[in-house]
Every structure is written in structure tokens, then in C-alpha cells.
Amino acid sequence: MKKTQRDDMLLFSKERTSGSNRYRLYFTTLSSLIDETPRVFRLLVRTPFTFAKFEMGRVYTLTYRKIHIKEFTQKEEFNLQEAHFTKLLQTRDLKFMDKKTSAALRSIDKSHFSKDRYYSFAETKEIVNYKLDFLSRVAVAVFSALMTGFAFLLPFAMYAYMLFLLIRGQMGLTGYSSRALVLPIMGIGALPTTVFLMSVLFMLSELALLRIEFTKWSVLKRYTLSWGGMRKSIFFEISDVKYLKKFGIVSGCVLVASIIVAAVI
């Protein structure tokens, strides 16, 4: 298969997703920046080590086959204007996002698109190009794992302890008794509340990590790469509050109903 070589390719966005083809790099040709619709290329690399070598805002000479980069030469940095950056993001999303998302983005005016939905070029560059030494990465990973692990383990431990108490209370039962149904009723009824508590604590732990200087930049980088440069709020967003409110009401009602049924039988 024939290889393609291109010079003066500016890297303006990076994206790391799940599944195959996860390490995505978005380039534009310098000559097309003045066009109404600049040329945007999405090329891939196969390993995280190669992915980490590419720096946003830098110009490259690329050799690639189909969409996979085989060789690259790093060149000078380029000071991309915010107006051009906004146009590039719009072109990227309209070209590579699913049809539903693309249709929604067409209705957003340019100022709203740049200011409210995405980080600026300077902010994105600072976040995505942020690097830690090996020991610092390990420390951040361990600390973050402890925080998020606590968010999941505490509700699960409470749920397991409740089941333990119910099992111990029923060990003396002999023969058939309707009280034997208390365990499955409470086990099922308390499960939504357990998941709800996990969700709340996980969100709180993520917000806490964003407010700790030691972990802030690593969390922002992970989020920015996952969501293509979209802004990450350090507060609960309205959509989060609405979701937790509905989830909390439903799980609370299920728990109360299960307690009433268990008390009656």
C-alpha cells in the first residue's frame, strides 16, 4: 500500500477513546487556515507512547498509510489564532462526529461554541501537553485510585453489612417462615440506593481531585483527551443535579417500599 507524505501539518487536537483506533490525532495544513473551511485530517497511532510524543500546537512532517502514521518529524511550534482554532473544531466535529451531534453543533453560534463548550487553544494546549515524571504519575494514579475506590467500596461495604445483619438475624429460623423473604426483599430494595450512593461519592471524589493541585492537571488531561477538548466543570452541572435528583427519589422510594414490605410480612 502506498504511503502518503505531507509537510506543514499542524496538530490542533488530540483524542483518546475506548476501543480500537483509540489514539486519534487531528491535523490541518497550514495553507488551509485562511480558508472558510480548513482541511482537517484524523490520523491514528497504535501505542500510547507514540501518542504522548505528539504535542498540540506543533507542526509536523508526516508519513502515513491510509490513516495510520508510520513516521513523523517534529518541527516548529505554531501560535494558532483562537478564531482559526474555533473554526477547526467546528470542522472536526462536523466531519467526524455522529450525525446527531453534528446537527446539534450546526445550531451553535461561533462565540458560544468557542467560549462555553470548549477550552481555548491556549488552555487546551497547556492541559494536553502537561507531563509528569514517572514517579509523579504513579503517585497520582495511586492517590486517585484510593479516592475513587473509597467512593465505590464504602456504599458496597454498607450494603454487605446490612445483608450480614439480616442473614445473622435469620439463622435461628426453623421451617417455613415469611420472615425468610426479608433478605431477598431488602437485598433487592437496597441495591438502587447503594448504586446511587456510589454515583454521588464518585462524582464528589472526581470534583475533589479537580480541586487538589497535585491531581488537578492529570484529571483535566484525561477528561480533555476523552472529550476532544470540551470544558470540565469543577462543580455539579445542572444535568448532574437533575440526574441525581431523579435517581435519588426513585432509589429512595424503592428502599422505603422494601422496608415497609419487610416490616409487614
Protein backbone atom coordinates (compact mmCIF):
# COMPACT_ATOMS: atom_id res chain seq x y z
CA MET A 1 0.00 0.00 0.00
CA LYS A 2 1.36 3.40 -1.00
CA LYS A 3 2.44 5.79 1.74
CA THR A 4 1.46 9.46 1.81
CA GLN A 5 3.79 12.21 2.96
CA ARG A 6 2.64 15.69 3.94
CA ASP A 7 4.57 18.69 5.19
CA ASP A 8 3.42 21.56 7.42
CA MET A 9 0.76 19.57 9.26
CA LEU A 10 -0.37 21.38 12.40
CA LEU A 11 -1.62 19.25 15.29
CA PHE A 12 -4.57 21.15 16.79
CA SER A 13 -6.39 18.42 18.72
CA LYS A 14 -5.79 15.05 20.37
CA GLU A 15 -8.36 12.48 21.43
CA ARG A 16 -8.08 9.22 23.36
CA THR A 17 -11.14 7.00 23.26
CA SER A 18 -12.02 3.44 24.24
CA GLY A 19 -11.96 0.51 21.87
CA SER A 20 -9.97 0.18 18.66
CA ASN A 21 -8.43 3.20 16.92
CA ARG A 22 -8.33 4.96 20.28
CA TYR A 23 -5.30 7.22 19.79
CA ARG A 24 -6.54 9.94 17.45
CA LEU A 25 -4.65 12.98 16.21
CA TYR A 26 -6.27 15.86 14.34
CA PHE A 27 -4.17 17.87 11.90
CA THR A 28 -4.70 20.72 9.50
CA THR A 29 -2.49 22.04 6.74
CA LEU A 30 -1.10 25.49 7.46
CA SER A 31 -2.03 26.67 3.98
CA SER A 32 -5.74 25.96 4.59
CA LEU A 33 -6.09 28.00 7.77
CA ILE A 34 -7.20 31.05 5.81
CA ASP A 35 -9.91 29.07 4.00
CA GLU A 36 -13.55 29.30 5.05
CA THR A 37 -13.46 25.54 5.70
CA PRO A 38 -9.93 24.41 6.59
CA ARG A 39 -8.73 20.93 5.73
CA VAL A 40 -8.88 18.57 8.71
CA PHE A 41 -7.26 15.14 8.89
CA ARG A 42 -7.82 12.50 11.56
CA LEU A 43 -4.83 10.17 11.75
CA LEU A 44 -4.10 7.37 14.19
CA VAL A 45 -1.17 5.93 16.10
CA ARG A 46 -1.15 2.48 17.67
CA THR A 47 0.56 2.95 21.04
CA PRO A 48 0.20 5.35 23.98
CA PHE A 49 3.94 6.02 23.87
CA THR A 50 3.77 7.35 20.31
CA PHE A 51 0.58 9.25 21.15
CA ALA A 52 2.32 11.01 24.06
CA LYS A 53 5.14 12.23 21.78
CA PHE A 54 2.80 14.43 19.73
CA GLU A 55 2.38 17.96 21.08
CA MET A 56 -0.56 20.20 20.36
CA GLY A 57 0.34 23.40 18.53
CA ARG A 58 3.37 21.89 16.82
CA VAL A 59 3.95 21.43 13.09
CA TYR A 60 4.91 18.02 11.73
CA THR A 61 6.03 16.29 8.59
CA LEU A 62 4.02 13.07 8.41
CA THR A 63 4.27 9.83 6.52
CA TYR A 64 1.19 7.66 6.81
CA ARG A 65 -0.53 4.70 5.19
CA LYS A 66 -4.31 5.02 4.96
CA ILE A 67 -4.93 6.67 8.33
CA HIS A 68 -2.06 5.25 10.41
CA ILE A 69 1.06 7.34 10.96
CA LYS A 70 4.26 5.46 10.16
CA GLU A 71 6.88 8.19 10.50
CA PHE A 72 6.89 11.76 11.71
CA THR A 73 9.30 14.64 12.08
CA GLN A 74 8.69 17.29 14.70
CA LYS A 75 9.11 20.87 13.55
CA GLU A 76 8.44 24.33 14.99
CA GLU A 77 5.58 25.43 17.23
CA PHE A 78 2.77 27.48 15.72
CA ASN A 79 0.77 30.17 17.51
CA LEU A 80 -2.74 29.31 16.37
CA GLN A 81 -5.28 32.14 16.49
CA GLU A 82 -8.43 31.48 18.53
CA ALA A 83 -10.70 32.24 15.57
CA HIS A 84 -8.87 29.63 13.49
CA PHE A 85 -8.96 27.14 16.36
CA THR A 86 -12.72 27.53 16.74
CA LYS A 87 -13.19 27.00 13.02
CA LEU A 88 -11.01 23.89 13.12
CA LEU A 89 -13.00 22.39 16.00
CA GLN A 90 -16.25 23.03 14.20
CA THR A 91 -14.91 21.42 11.05
CA ARG A 92 -13.55 18.47 13.04
CA ASP A 93 -16.85 17.83 14.79
CA LEU A 94 -18.99 18.25 11.72
CA LYS A 95 -16.73 15.91 9.77
CA PHE A 96 -16.04 13.18 12.30
CA MET A 97 -18.85 13.23 14.88
CA ASP A 98 -22.04 11.21 14.50
CA LYS A 99 -24.87 12.81 12.53
CA LYS A 100 -26.98 13.65 15.59
CA THR A 101 -24.14 15.51 17.32
CA SER A 102 -23.14 17.24 14.10
CA ALA A 103 -26.68 18.53 13.58
CA ALA A 104 -26.73 19.93 17.12
CA LEU A 105 -23.39 21.69 16.64
CA ARG A 106 -24.60 23.43 13.46
CA SER A 107 -27.13 25.37 15.55
CA ILE A 108 -24.46 26.75 17.94
CA ASP A 109 -23.06 30.17 17.10
CA LYS A 110 -19.27 30.52 16.93
CA SER A 111 -18.78 32.57 20.10
CA HIS A 112 -20.86 30.15 22.18
CA PHE A 113 -19.08 27.21 20.58
CA SER A 114 -15.64 28.57 21.50
CA LYS A 115 -16.27 30.11 24.90
CA ASP A 116 -18.73 27.81 26.59
CA ARG A 117 -18.34 24.39 25.06
CA TYR A 118 -14.58 24.05 24.53
CA TYR A 119 -11.38 25.23 26.14
CA SER A 120 -9.47 27.89 24.24
CA PHE A 121 -6.44 26.84 22.22
CA ALA A 122 -4.05 28.14 24.90
CA GLU A 123 -5.92 26.28 27.65
CA THR A 124 -6.19 23.05 25.66
CA LYS A 125 -2.52 23.18 24.74
CA GLU A 126 -1.49 23.69 28.36
CA ILE A 127 -3.68 20.80 29.56
CA VAL A 128 -2.95 18.26 26.82
CA ASN A 129 0.81 18.93 26.71
CA TYR A 130 1.07 18.60 30.50
CA LYS A 131 3.51 15.86 31.50
CA LEU A 132 4.67 14.30 34.78
CA ASP A 133 7.73 12.25 35.57
CA PHE A 134 7.26 8.52 36.19
CA LEU A 135 7.16 8.65 40.00
CA SER A 136 4.69 11.53 39.99
CA ARG A 137 2.42 9.64 37.57
CA VAL A 138 2.48 6.62 39.86
CA ALA A 139 1.71 8.75 42.92
CA VAL A 140 -1.20 10.48 41.17
CA ALA A 141 -2.57 7.15 39.91
CA VAL A 142 -2.41 5.56 43.37
CA PHE A 143 -3.98 8.55 45.12
CA SER A 144 -6.75 8.81 42.51
CA ALA A 145 -7.42 5.06 42.75
CA LEU A 146 -7.75 5.33 46.54
CA MET A 147 -10.20 8.22 46.23
CA THR A 148 -12.42 6.56 43.63
CA GLY A 149 -12.04 3.16 45.30
CA PHE A 150 -13.37 4.62 48.55
CA ALA A 151 -16.36 6.02 46.64
CA PHE A 152 -17.29 2.52 45.45
CA LEU A 153 -16.25 0.47 48.46
CA LEU A 154 -17.99 2.46 51.21
CA PRO A 155 -21.58 2.01 49.86
CA PHE A 156 -20.80 -1.61 48.98
CA ALA A 157 -19.46 -2.25 52.50
CA MET A 158 -22.63 -0.74 53.99
CA TYR A 159 -24.76 -2.91 51.70
CA ALA A 160 -22.78 -6.05 52.56
CA TYR A 161 -23.00 -5.28 56.29
CA MET A 162 -26.79 -4.89 56.03
CA LEU A 163 -27.04 -8.29 54.34
CA PHE A 164 -24.78 -9.78 57.01
CA LEU A 165 -27.05 -8.50 59.78
CA LEU A 166 -30.14 -9.84 58.02
CA ILE A 167 -28.54 -13.24 57.48
CA ARG A 168 -27.42 -13.43 61.11
CA GLY A 169 -30.91 -12.46 62.27
CA GLN A 170 -32.49 -15.25 60.21
CA MET A 171 -30.09 -18.02 61.17
CA GLY A 172 -32.38 -19.05 64.03
CA LEU A 173 -35.43 -19.52 61.81
CA THR A 174 -36.71 -23.10 61.50
CA GLY A 175 -39.20 -24.41 58.98
CA TYR A 176 -41.08 -22.15 56.63
CA SER A 177 -41.46 -18.52 57.69
CA SER A 178 -42.43 -15.45 55.74
CA ARG A 179 -39.56 -13.70 57.54
CA ALA A 180 -37.23 -15.63 55.23
CA LEU A 181 -38.39 -13.26 52.47
CA VAL A 182 -36.93 -10.25 54.27
CA LEU A 183 -33.42 -10.97 52.99
CA PRO A 184 -34.24 -11.03 49.23
CA ILE A 185 -36.68 -8.10 49.59
CA MET A 186 -34.17 -5.90 51.36
CA GLY A 187 -31.31 -7.13 49.17
CA ILE A 188 -33.14 -6.06 46.02
CA GLY A 189 -34.70 -2.93 47.55
CA ALA A 190 -31.43 -1.53 48.89
CA LEU A 191 -29.46 -2.14 45.69
CA PRO A 192 -30.62 1.04 43.82
CA THR A 193 -29.75 3.17 46.86
CA THR A 194 -26.31 1.55 47.00
CA VAL A 195 -25.69 2.38 43.35
CA PHE A 196 -26.99 5.92 43.94
CA LEU A 197 -24.54 6.45 46.82
CA MET A 198 -21.72 5.11 44.64
CA SER A 199 -22.62 7.61 41.92
CA VAL A 200 -22.74 10.55 44.35
CA LEU A 201 -19.46 9.66 46.05
CA PHE A 202 -17.75 9.04 42.72
CA MET A 203 -18.79 12.48 41.44
CA LEU A 204 -17.66 14.07 44.71
CA SER A 205 -14.31 12.29 44.55
CA GLU A 206 -13.80 13.49 40.98
CA LEU A 207 -14.58 17.08 41.99
CA ALA A 208 -12.20 16.74 44.94
CA LEU A 209 -9.42 15.52 42.63
CA LEU A 210 -10.04 18.56 40.42
CA ARG A 211 -9.59 20.88 43.39
CA ILE A 212 -6.34 19.30 44.60
CA GLU A 213 -3.39 20.86 42.78
CA PHE A 214 -1.45 17.58 42.89
CA THR A 215 -4.08 15.71 40.85
CA LYS A 216 -5.95 18.52 39.06
CA TRP A 217 -3.96 18.60 35.83
CA SER A 218 -3.90 14.84 35.37
CA VAL A 219 -7.68 14.64 35.77
CA LEU A 220 -8.20 17.54 33.37
CA LYS A 221 -5.88 15.97 30.82
CA ARG A 222 -7.67 12.63 30.97
CA TYR A 223 -11.06 14.30 30.58
CA THR A 224 -9.92 16.67 27.81
CA LEU A 225 -8.44 13.82 25.77
CA SER A 226 -11.57 11.72 26.26
CA TRP A 227 -13.96 14.50 25.22
CA GLY A 228 -11.98 16.22 22.48
CA GLY A 229 -11.33 19.46 24.36
CA MET A 230 -14.74 20.04 25.96
CA ARG A 231 -14.68 22.00 29.19
CA LYS A 232 -14.78 20.18 32.51
CA SER A 233 -16.77 21.83 35.27
CA ILE A 234 -15.39 21.81 38.82
CA PHE A 235 -18.95 22.00 40.14
CA PHE A 236 -22.03 19.83 39.73
CA GLU A 237 -23.66 20.79 36.45
CA ILE A 238 -27.42 21.25 36.13
CA SER A 239 -27.71 17.97 34.21
CA ASP A 240 -25.85 16.16 37.01
CA VAL A 241 -28.13 17.63 39.68
CA LYS A 242 -31.26 16.65 37.72
CA TYR A 243 -29.95 13.13 37.18
CA LEU A 244 -29.02 12.66 40.85
CA LYS A 245 -32.36 14.11 41.98
CA LYS A 246 -34.37 11.68 39.85
CA PHE A 247 -32.12 8.76 40.70
CA GLY A 248 -32.24 9.61 44.41
CA ILE A 249 -36.03 9.90 44.52
CA VAL A 250 -36.56 6.60 42.69
CA SER A 251 -33.97 4.66 44.70
CA GLY A 252 -35.27 6.20 47.95
CA CYS A 253 -38.84 5.20 47.14
CA VAL A 254 -37.76 1.65 46.31
CA LEU A 255 -35.85 1.42 49.61
CA VAL A 256 -38.75 2.76 51.68
CA ALA A 257 -41.20 0.42 49.95
CA SER A 258 -38.95 -2.58 50.60
CA ILE A 259 -38.59 -1.62 54.27
CA ILE A 260 -42.39 -1.35 54.65
CA VAL A 261 -42.97 -4.69 52.94
CA ALA A 262 -40.24 -6.36 55.03
CA ALA A 263 -41.77 -4.96 58.23
CA VAL A 264 -45.26 -6.16 57.36
CA ILE A 265 -44.52 -9.76 56.44
